[in-house]
């Protein structure tokens, strides 16, 4: 027997009320009655328990946005950890005497660059404005690495500028 909620012309309304407004099955049953339909709370329970509402594009989009925001938060936390690691490394006076430490520092900087790039891509796909502009983020990264030797600093700046050019080209293609 087909699901009464799925067959209802008010299906999207019921699903929106359940997902966004956190209606209970009893409230949904009352709403259905107001709309002139006889759908029991048990039918609403079965509809949502069996995942029929997952096919609703509003629900899919909301879940996708929620997941993307969690990823953005995780990337942001990772950037904070990377910044702290770089700060600690820069306090080590033997940093520039040890090739392994310099390599590790370059890897951390590369990870920051990739994380910032991924963060911008995700924010753009969700149409979220970053809290800081690209230029401000580049200035922050350059400040964090300002104690590096001139050659490495130029390489970092060049990579960041490449990232900005790449991001601008991608945006212009859309």
N, C-alpha and C. Protein backbone atom coordinates (compact mmCIF):
# COMPACT_ATOMS: atom_id res chain seq x y z
N UNK A 1 0.84 -1.18 0.00
CA UNK A 1 0.00 0.00 0.00
C UNK A 1 0.89 1.24 0.00
N UNK A 2 0.63 2.19 -0.89
CA UNK A 2 1.47 3.39 -0.95
C UNK A 2 1.36 4.23 0.32
N UNK A 3 2.42 4.94 0.62
CA UNK A 3 2.48 5.80 1.81
C UNK A 3 1.54 6.99 1.62
N UNK A 4 0.66 7.21 2.61
CA UNK A 4 -0.31 8.30 2.53
C UNK A 4 0.39 9.67 2.52
N UNK A 5 1.48 9.78 3.27
CA UNK A 5 2.20 11.06 3.32
C UNK A 5 2.84 11.34 1.96
N UNK A 6 3.45 10.31 1.37
CA UNK A 6 4.08 10.48 0.06
C UNK A 6 3.06 10.85 -1.01
N UNK A 7 1.82 10.34 -0.88
CA UNK A 7 0.78 10.61 -1.86
C UNK A 7 0.09 11.95 -1.65
N UNK A 8 0.28 12.55 -0.48
CA UNK A 8 -0.41 13.80 -0.14
C UNK A 8 0.10 14.98 -0.97
N UNK A 9 -0.82 15.87 -1.34
CA UNK A 9 -0.39 17.08 -2.04
C UNK A 9 0.30 18.05 -1.08
N UNK A 10 0.23 17.78 0.23
CA UNK A 10 0.88 18.61 1.25
C UNK A 10 2.16 17.97 1.79
N UNK A 11 2.65 16.98 1.10
CA UNK A 11 3.83 16.24 1.55
C UNK A 11 4.99 17.18 1.90
N UNK A 12 5.32 18.09 1.01
CA UNK A 12 6.45 18.99 1.26
C UNK A 12 6.23 19.83 2.51
N UNK A 13 5.00 20.26 2.73
CA UNK A 13 4.68 21.04 3.93
C UNK A 13 4.92 20.18 5.17
N UNK A 14 4.41 18.95 5.18
CA UNK A 14 4.59 18.07 6.33
C UNK A 14 6.08 17.81 6.60
N UNK A 15 6.82 17.55 5.55
CA UNK A 15 8.25 17.26 5.71
C UNK A 15 9.01 18.48 6.19
N UNK A 16 8.65 19.63 5.68
CA UNK A 16 9.29 20.88 6.13
C UNK A 16 8.99 21.12 7.61
N UNK A 17 7.74 20.93 8.00
CA UNK A 17 7.36 21.13 9.41
C UNK A 17 8.10 20.14 10.31
N UNK A 18 8.26 18.92 9.85
CA UNK A 18 8.95 17.90 10.65
C UNK A 18 10.45 18.19 10.75
N UNK A 19 11.07 18.48 9.61
CA UNK A 19 12.52 18.65 9.57
C UNK A 19 12.96 20.00 10.13
N UNK A 20 12.33 21.07 9.68
CA UNK A 20 12.78 22.41 10.05
C UNK A 20 12.14 22.93 11.33
N UNK A 21 10.85 22.66 11.50
CA UNK A 21 10.13 23.20 12.65
C UNK A 21 10.01 22.20 13.79
N UNK A 22 10.54 21.00 13.58
CA UNK A 22 10.58 19.95 14.60
C UNK A 22 9.19 19.58 15.12
N UNK A 23 8.23 19.52 14.21
CA UNK A 23 6.89 19.09 14.60
C UNK A 23 6.92 17.63 15.05
N UNK A 24 6.08 17.31 16.04
CA UNK A 24 5.92 15.93 16.47
C UNK A 24 4.92 15.26 15.53
N UNK A 25 4.83 13.93 15.62
CA UNK A 25 3.87 13.21 14.78
C UNK A 25 2.43 13.64 15.15
N UNK A 26 2.20 13.91 16.41
CA UNK A 26 0.88 14.35 16.85
C UNK A 26 0.55 15.72 16.23
N UNK A 27 1.53 16.64 16.20
CA UNK A 27 1.31 17.94 15.57
C UNK A 27 1.07 17.80 14.07
N UNK A 28 1.79 16.88 13.45
CA UNK A 28 1.59 16.63 12.02
C UNK A 28 0.21 16.06 11.75
N UNK A 29 -0.24 15.17 12.62
CA UNK A 29 -1.58 14.60 12.47
C UNK A 29 -2.63 15.72 12.56
N UNK A 30 -2.46 16.66 13.50
CA UNK A 30 -3.39 17.78 13.64
C UNK A 30 -3.33 18.69 12.42
N UNK A 31 -2.13 18.91 11.90
CA UNK A 31 -1.98 19.74 10.70
C UNK A 31 -2.68 19.10 9.51
N UNK A 32 -2.51 17.80 9.38
CA UNK A 32 -3.17 17.08 8.28
C UNK A 32 -4.69 17.23 8.38
N UNK A 33 -5.19 17.15 9.60
CA UNK A 33 -6.63 17.31 9.80
C UNK A 33 -7.08 18.70 9.37
N UNK A 34 -6.25 19.74 9.73
CA UNK A 34 -6.56 21.12 9.31
C UNK A 34 -6.57 21.25 7.79
N UNK A 35 -5.73 20.47 7.13
CA UNK A 35 -5.62 20.53 5.68
C UNK A 35 -6.69 19.66 5.00
N UNK A 36 -7.53 19.01 5.82
CA UNK A 36 -8.61 18.20 5.27
C UNK A 36 -8.20 16.78 4.93
N UNK A 37 -7.08 16.32 5.52
CA UNK A 37 -6.61 14.96 5.26
C UNK A 37 -6.66 14.15 6.55
N UNK A 38 -6.82 12.87 6.40
CA UNK A 38 -6.82 11.98 7.56
C UNK A 38 -5.55 11.12 7.49
N UNK A 39 -4.50 11.62 8.16
CA UNK A 39 -3.23 10.90 8.22
C UNK A 39 -2.86 10.78 9.71
N UNK A 40 -2.70 9.55 10.17
CA UNK A 40 -2.44 9.32 11.58
C UNK A 40 -0.98 9.58 11.94
N UNK A 41 -0.76 9.75 13.25
CA UNK A 41 0.62 9.93 13.73
C UNK A 41 1.45 8.68 13.44
N UNK A 42 0.83 7.52 13.46
CA UNK A 42 1.55 6.27 13.14
C UNK A 42 2.00 6.27 11.68
N UNK A 43 1.18 6.83 10.79
CA UNK A 43 1.55 6.92 9.38
C UNK A 43 2.73 7.88 9.20
N UNK A 44 2.69 9.02 9.91
CA UNK A 44 3.83 9.95 9.85
C UNK A 44 5.09 9.28 10.40
N UNK A 45 4.92 8.55 11.50
CA UNK A 45 6.06 7.85 12.10
C UNK A 45 6.68 6.90 11.07
N UNK A 46 5.86 6.09 10.42
CA UNK A 46 6.35 5.13 9.42
C UNK A 46 7.03 5.85 8.25
N UNK A 47 6.42 6.95 7.79
CA UNK A 47 6.95 7.73 6.66
C UNK A 47 8.39 8.19 6.97
N UNK A 48 8.58 8.78 8.13
CA UNK A 48 9.90 9.32 8.47
C UNK A 48 10.87 8.22 8.90
N UNK A 49 10.38 7.21 9.61
CA UNK A 49 11.24 6.11 10.05
C UNK A 49 11.81 5.34 8.85
N UNK A 50 11.00 5.18 7.82
CA UNK A 50 11.45 4.45 6.63
C UNK A 50 12.23 5.34 5.66
N UNK A 51 12.36 6.60 6.00
CA UNK A 51 13.22 7.50 5.22
C UNK A 51 12.60 8.03 3.94
N UNK A 52 11.29 7.99 3.83
CA UNK A 52 10.65 8.50 2.62
C UNK A 52 10.97 9.98 2.39
N UNK A 53 11.12 10.71 3.49
CA UNK A 53 11.37 12.15 3.39
C UNK A 53 12.76 12.46 2.82
N UNK A 54 13.66 11.48 2.83
CA UNK A 54 15.02 11.70 2.31
C UNK A 54 14.98 12.06 0.83
N UNK A 55 13.96 11.63 0.14
CA UNK A 55 13.84 11.94 -1.29
C UNK A 55 13.46 13.40 -1.53
N UNK A 56 13.04 14.08 -0.48
CA UNK A 56 12.64 15.47 -0.59
C UNK A 56 13.88 16.34 -0.84
N UNK A 57 13.90 17.13 -1.94
CA UNK A 57 15.09 17.94 -2.23
C UNK A 57 15.41 18.97 -1.15
N UNK A 58 14.40 19.46 -0.44
CA UNK A 58 14.65 20.42 0.64
C UNK A 58 15.46 19.75 1.74
N UNK A 59 15.09 18.52 2.09
CA UNK A 59 15.79 17.78 3.14
C UNK A 59 17.20 17.45 2.69
N UNK A 60 17.35 17.00 1.45
CA UNK A 60 18.68 16.67 0.91
C UNK A 60 19.60 17.89 0.96
N UNK A 61 19.09 19.03 0.52
CA UNK A 61 19.91 20.24 0.50
C UNK A 61 20.30 20.65 1.91
N UNK A 62 19.36 20.60 2.84
CA UNK A 62 19.64 20.98 4.22
C UNK A 62 20.71 20.06 4.83
N UNK A 63 20.60 18.75 4.58
CA UNK A 63 21.59 17.80 5.10
C UNK A 63 22.96 18.05 4.47
N UNK A 64 22.98 18.36 3.18
CA UNK A 64 24.24 18.63 2.48
C UNK A 64 24.90 19.89 3.05
N UNK A 65 24.13 20.92 3.27
CA UNK A 65 24.66 22.17 3.82
C UNK A 65 25.19 21.93 5.22
N UNK A 66 24.45 21.19 6.02
CA UNK A 66 24.88 20.89 7.39
C UNK A 66 26.20 20.14 7.39
N UNK A 67 26.33 19.16 6.51
CA UNK A 67 27.57 18.39 6.42
C UNK A 67 28.73 19.28 5.96
N UNK A 68 28.48 20.14 5.00
CA UNK A 68 29.53 21.04 4.51
C UNK A 68 29.98 22.01 5.59
N UNK A 69 29.05 22.50 6.38
CA UNK A 69 29.41 23.42 7.47
C UNK A 69 30.28 22.70 8.49
N UNK A 70 29.99 21.44 8.78
CA UNK A 70 30.83 20.67 9.71
C UNK A 70 32.24 20.54 9.15
N UNK A 71 32.36 20.30 7.85
CA UNK A 71 33.68 20.16 7.22
C UNK A 71 34.43 21.49 7.28
N UNK A 72 33.72 22.59 7.01
CA UNK A 72 34.34 23.92 7.08
C UNK A 72 34.85 24.18 8.49
N UNK A 73 34.06 23.83 9.50
CA UNK A 73 34.50 24.01 10.88
C UNK A 73 35.75 23.18 11.18
N UNK A 74 35.78 21.97 10.66
CA UNK A 74 36.94 21.11 10.88
C UNK A 74 38.19 21.67 10.20
N UNK A 75 38.05 22.16 8.98
CA UNK A 75 39.18 22.77 8.27
C UNK A 75 39.68 23.99 9.04
N UNK A 76 38.75 24.79 9.55
CA UNK A 76 39.12 25.97 10.32
C UNK A 76 39.90 25.58 11.57
N UNK A 77 39.45 24.54 12.27
CA UNK A 77 40.17 24.05 13.45
C UNK A 77 41.57 23.56 13.06
N UNK A 78 41.65 22.85 11.95
CA UNK A 78 42.95 22.36 11.48
C UNK A 78 43.90 23.52 11.17
N UNK A 79 43.37 24.59 10.59
CA UNK A 79 44.20 25.76 10.31
C UNK A 79 44.74 26.37 11.61
N UNK A 80 43.92 26.40 12.64
CA UNK A 80 44.37 26.92 13.93
C UNK A 80 45.49 26.05 14.49
N UNK A 81 45.33 24.72 14.39
CA UNK A 81 46.37 23.81 14.87
C UNK A 81 47.66 23.99 14.08
N UNK A 82 47.55 24.12 12.76
CA UNK A 82 48.74 24.33 11.93
C UNK A 82 49.44 25.64 12.30
N UNK A 83 48.65 26.67 12.53
CA UNK A 83 49.22 27.97 12.92
C UNK A 83 49.99 27.83 14.23
N UNK A 84 49.41 27.11 15.19
CA UNK A 84 50.09 26.91 16.48
C UNK A 84 51.37 26.11 16.31
N UNK A 85 51.32 25.09 15.45
CA UNK A 85 52.52 24.28 15.21
C UNK A 85 53.63 25.12 14.58
N UNK A 86 53.27 25.97 13.63
CA UNK A 86 54.27 26.82 12.98
C UNK A 86 54.85 27.81 13.98
N UNK A 87 53.99 28.38 14.81
CA UNK A 87 54.48 29.33 15.82
C UNK A 87 55.50 28.66 16.74
N UNK A 88 55.21 27.44 17.16
CA UNK A 88 56.14 26.72 18.03
C UNK A 88 57.45 26.42 17.31
N UNK A 89 57.35 26.04 16.04
CA UNK A 89 58.56 25.74 15.27
C UNK A 89 59.43 26.98 15.11
N UNK A 90 58.78 28.13 14.89
CA UNK A 90 59.54 29.36 14.67
C UNK A 90 60.26 29.83 15.94
N UNK A 91 59.82 29.36 17.08
CA UNK A 91 60.48 29.72 18.34
C UNK A 91 61.75 28.89 18.57
N UNK A 92 61.90 27.82 17.81
CA UNK A 92 63.07 26.95 17.94
C UNK A 92 64.25 27.60 17.22
N UNK A 93 65.26 27.93 17.98
CA UNK A 93 66.42 28.63 17.42
C UNK A 93 67.23 27.76 16.46
N UNK A 94 67.12 26.46 16.59
CA UNK A 94 67.89 25.57 15.71
C UNK A 94 67.14 25.23 14.43
N UNK A 95 66.01 25.87 14.21
CA UNK A 95 65.16 25.55 13.06
C UNK A 95 65.91 25.61 11.74
N UNK A 96 66.62 26.68 11.52
CA UNK A 96 67.26 26.89 10.22
C UNK A 96 68.57 26.13 10.07
N UNK A 97 68.97 25.43 11.11
CA UNK A 97 70.17 24.62 11.04
C UNK A 97 69.84 23.16 10.72
N UNK A 98 68.58 22.81 10.77
CA UNK A 98 68.16 21.42 10.60
C UNK A 98 67.29 21.31 9.34
N UNK A 99 67.78 20.60 8.34
CA UNK A 99 67.07 20.48 7.07
C UNK A 99 65.72 19.78 7.25
N UNK A 100 65.65 18.82 8.16
CA UNK A 100 64.38 18.11 8.39
C UNK A 100 63.32 19.07 8.94
N UNK A 101 63.74 19.95 9.83
CA UNK A 101 62.80 20.92 10.41
C UNK A 101 62.33 21.91 9.35
N UNK A 102 63.22 22.32 8.49
CA UNK A 102 62.84 23.25 7.41
C UNK A 102 61.85 22.55 6.48
N UNK A 103 62.12 21.29 6.17
CA UNK A 103 61.20 20.51 5.32
C UNK A 103 59.84 20.37 5.98
N UNK A 104 59.83 20.11 7.29
CA UNK A 104 58.56 19.98 8.02
C UNK A 104 57.79 21.30 8.00
N UNK A 105 58.53 22.40 8.15
CA UNK A 105 57.89 23.72 8.12
C UNK A 105 57.28 23.99 6.74
N UNK A 106 58.01 23.66 5.70
CA UNK A 106 57.47 23.84 4.35
C UNK A 106 56.22 22.99 4.14
N UNK A 107 56.23 21.76 4.67
CA UNK A 107 55.05 20.90 4.56
C UNK A 107 53.85 21.49 5.29
N UNK A 108 54.10 22.07 6.46
CA UNK A 108 53.01 22.71 7.20
C UNK A 108 52.45 23.90 6.42
N UNK A 109 53.34 24.67 5.84
CA UNK A 109 52.90 25.83 5.04
C UNK A 109 52.10 25.37 3.83
N UNK A 110 52.54 24.30 3.22
CA UNK A 110 51.81 23.75 2.07
C UNK A 110 50.42 23.28 2.50
N UNK A 111 50.35 22.66 3.66
CA UNK A 111 49.06 22.20 4.18
C UNK A 111 48.13 23.38 4.46
N UNK A 112 48.68 24.46 4.97
CA UNK A 112 47.88 25.66 5.20
C UNK A 112 47.34 26.18 3.87
N UNK A 113 48.20 26.25 2.88
CA UNK A 113 47.78 26.74 1.56
C UNK A 113 46.65 25.88 1.01
N UNK A 114 46.79 24.56 1.08
CA UNK A 114 45.75 23.66 0.57
C UNK A 114 44.46 23.77 1.38
N UNK A 115 44.60 23.93 2.69
CA UNK A 115 43.41 24.05 3.54
C UNK A 115 42.66 25.35 3.25
N UNK A 116 43.39 26.43 3.06
CA UNK A 116 42.74 27.71 2.73
C UNK A 116 42.04 27.60 1.38
N UNK A 117 42.69 26.96 0.43
CA UNK A 117 42.09 26.76 -0.89
C UNK A 117 40.80 25.96 -0.78
N UNK A 118 40.83 24.86 -0.03
CA UNK A 118 39.64 24.03 0.15
C UNK A 118 38.54 24.79 0.88
N UNK A 119 38.93 25.58 1.86
CA UNK A 119 37.96 26.38 2.60
C UNK A 119 37.26 27.37 1.68
N UNK A 120 38.00 28.04 0.83
CA UNK A 120 37.39 28.98 -0.12
C UNK A 120 36.45 28.27 -1.08
N UNK A 121 36.86 27.10 -1.57
CA UNK A 121 36.01 26.35 -2.50
C UNK A 121 34.69 25.95 -1.84
N UNK A 122 34.78 25.47 -0.61
CA UNK A 122 33.55 25.06 0.09
C UNK A 122 32.66 26.26 0.40
N UNK A 123 33.27 27.35 0.84
CA UNK A 123 32.48 28.54 1.14
C UNK A 123 31.81 29.07 -0.11
N UNK A 124 32.52 29.00 -1.22
CA UNK A 124 31.96 29.49 -2.48
C UNK A 124 30.79 28.61 -2.91
N UNK A 125 30.93 27.29 -2.75
CA UNK A 125 29.86 26.39 -3.16
C UNK A 125 28.61 26.58 -2.30
N UNK A 126 28.80 27.01 -1.06
CA UNK A 126 27.65 27.26 -0.18
C UNK A 126 27.25 28.72 -0.18
N UNK A 127 27.98 29.54 -0.92
CA UNK A 127 27.75 30.98 -0.97
C UNK A 127 27.87 31.60 0.42
N UNK A 128 28.89 31.15 1.16
CA UNK A 128 29.19 31.69 2.48
C UNK A 128 30.35 32.66 2.33
N UNK A 129 30.20 33.83 2.90
CA UNK A 129 31.28 34.81 2.84
C UNK A 129 32.28 34.51 3.95
N UNK A 130 33.56 34.42 3.62
CA UNK A 130 34.55 34.17 4.66
C UNK A 130 34.64 35.34 5.63
N UNK A 131 35.11 35.04 6.84
CA UNK A 131 35.23 36.09 7.84
C UNK A 131 36.36 37.05 7.49
N UNK A 132 37.29 36.61 6.69
CA UNK A 132 38.40 37.47 6.26
C UNK A 132 38.54 37.35 4.75
N UNK A 133 39.02 38.41 4.14
CA UNK A 133 39.23 38.38 2.70
C UNK A 133 40.46 37.54 2.37
N UNK A 134 40.60 37.20 1.10
CA UNK A 134 41.78 36.43 0.67
C UNK A 134 43.05 37.21 1.01
N UNK A 135 43.01 38.50 0.77
CA UNK A 135 44.19 39.31 1.03
C UNK A 135 44.55 39.30 2.52
N UNK A 136 43.52 39.36 3.38
CA UNK A 136 43.77 39.33 4.82
C UNK A 136 44.35 37.97 5.24
N UNK A 137 43.83 36.91 4.64
CA UNK A 137 44.35 35.58 4.96
C UNK A 137 45.80 35.44 4.51
N UNK A 138 46.12 35.97 3.34
CA UNK A 138 47.50 35.91 2.86
C UNK A 138 48.41 36.70 3.79
N UNK A 139 47.95 37.87 4.20
CA UNK A 139 48.74 38.67 5.14
C UNK A 139 48.96 37.91 6.44
N UNK A 140 47.93 37.20 6.92
CA UNK A 140 48.06 36.42 8.14
C UNK A 140 49.10 35.32 7.97
N UNK A 141 49.03 34.61 6.87
CA UNK A 141 50.00 33.53 6.62
C UNK A 141 51.41 34.12 6.52
N UNK A 142 51.55 35.22 5.80
CA UNK A 142 52.87 35.84 5.67
C UNK A 142 53.40 36.31 7.03
N UNK A 143 52.52 36.81 7.87
CA UNK A 143 52.93 37.21 9.21
C UNK A 143 53.42 35.99 10.00
N UNK A 144 52.69 34.89 9.87
CA UNK A 144 53.07 33.68 10.61
C UNK A 144 54.43 33.14 10.19
N UNK A 145 54.80 33.38 8.94
CA UNK A 145 56.06 32.84 8.44
C UNK A 145 57.12 33.92 8.26
N UNK A 146 56.89 35.08 8.82
CA UNK A 146 57.79 36.21 8.59
C UNK A 146 59.21 35.97 9.09
N UNK A 147 59.40 35.03 9.99
CA UNK A 147 60.74 34.75 10.49
C UNK A 147 61.54 33.81 9.59
N UNK A 148 60.94 33.36 8.51
CA UNK A 148 61.64 32.47 7.58
C UNK A 148 62.68 33.25 6.79
N UNK A 149 63.59 32.52 6.19
CA UNK A 149 64.58 33.17 5.35
C UNK A 149 63.87 33.76 4.12
N UNK A 150 64.51 34.72 3.50
CA UNK A 150 63.90 35.49 2.40
C UNK A 150 63.47 34.60 1.23
N UNK A 151 64.28 33.62 0.89
CA UNK A 151 63.97 32.75 -0.25
C UNK A 151 62.68 31.96 0.02
N UNK A 152 62.59 31.35 1.19
CA UNK A 152 61.39 30.57 1.54
C UNK A 152 60.17 31.46 1.62
N UNK A 153 60.34 32.65 2.17
CA UNK A 153 59.23 33.60 2.28
C UNK A 153 58.71 33.99 0.89
N UNK A 154 59.61 34.20 -0.05
CA UNK A 154 59.20 34.52 -1.42
C UNK A 154 58.45 33.35 -2.05
N UNK A 155 58.91 32.12 -1.77
CA UNK A 155 58.23 30.94 -2.31
C UNK A 155 56.80 30.84 -1.76
N UNK A 156 56.66 31.08 -0.47
CA UNK A 156 55.34 31.02 0.16
C UNK A 156 54.43 32.07 -0.46
N UNK A 157 54.94 33.28 -0.58
CA UNK A 157 54.14 34.37 -1.15
C UNK A 157 53.75 34.05 -2.60
N UNK A 158 54.68 33.50 -3.36
CA UNK A 158 54.40 33.14 -4.75
C UNK A 158 53.29 32.08 -4.83
N UNK A 159 53.36 31.07 -3.95
CA UNK A 159 52.34 30.02 -3.95
C UNK A 159 50.97 30.61 -3.59
N UNK A 160 50.93 31.51 -2.63
CA UNK A 160 49.66 32.14 -2.25
C UNK A 160 49.10 32.99 -3.40
N UNK A 161 49.97 33.69 -4.10
CA UNK A 161 49.52 34.48 -5.25
C UNK A 161 49.00 33.57 -6.36
N UNK A 162 49.65 32.43 -6.57
CA UNK A 162 49.17 31.46 -7.56
C UNK A 162 47.77 30.98 -7.19
N UNK A 163 47.58 30.74 -5.91
CA UNK A 163 46.27 30.30 -5.43
C UNK A 163 45.20 31.34 -5.74
N UNK A 164 45.51 32.60 -5.53
CA UNK A 164 44.55 33.67 -5.81
C UNK A 164 44.23 33.74 -7.30
N UNK A 165 45.24 33.62 -8.13
CA UNK A 165 45.03 33.66 -9.58
C UNK A 165 44.19 32.46 -10.00
N UNK A 166 44.50 31.28 -9.47
CA UNK A 166 43.75 30.07 -9.80
C UNK A 166 42.28 30.23 -9.39
N UNK A 167 42.05 30.70 -8.18
CA UNK A 167 40.70 30.86 -7.67
C UNK A 167 39.92 31.86 -8.52
N UNK A 168 40.56 32.92 -8.95
CA UNK A 168 39.91 33.94 -9.80
C UNK A 168 39.55 33.33 -11.15
N UNK A 169 40.45 32.54 -11.72
CA UNK A 169 40.17 31.90 -13.02
C UNK A 169 38.99 30.94 -12.92
N UNK A 170 38.96 30.14 -11.85
CA UNK A 170 37.86 29.20 -11.66
C UNK A 170 36.54 29.95 -11.53
N UNK A 171 36.54 31.02 -10.74
CA UNK A 171 35.33 31.83 -10.56
C UNK A 171 34.87 32.41 -11.88
N UNK A 172 35.80 32.85 -12.72
CA UNK A 172 35.43 33.46 -14.00
C UNK A 172 34.89 32.43 -14.99
N UNK A 173 35.25 31.17 -14.82
CA UNK A 173 34.76 30.12 -15.70
C UNK A 173 33.31 29.78 -15.42
N UNK A 174 32.85 30.08 -14.21
CA UNK A 174 31.48 29.70 -13.81
C UNK A 174 30.46 30.66 -14.30
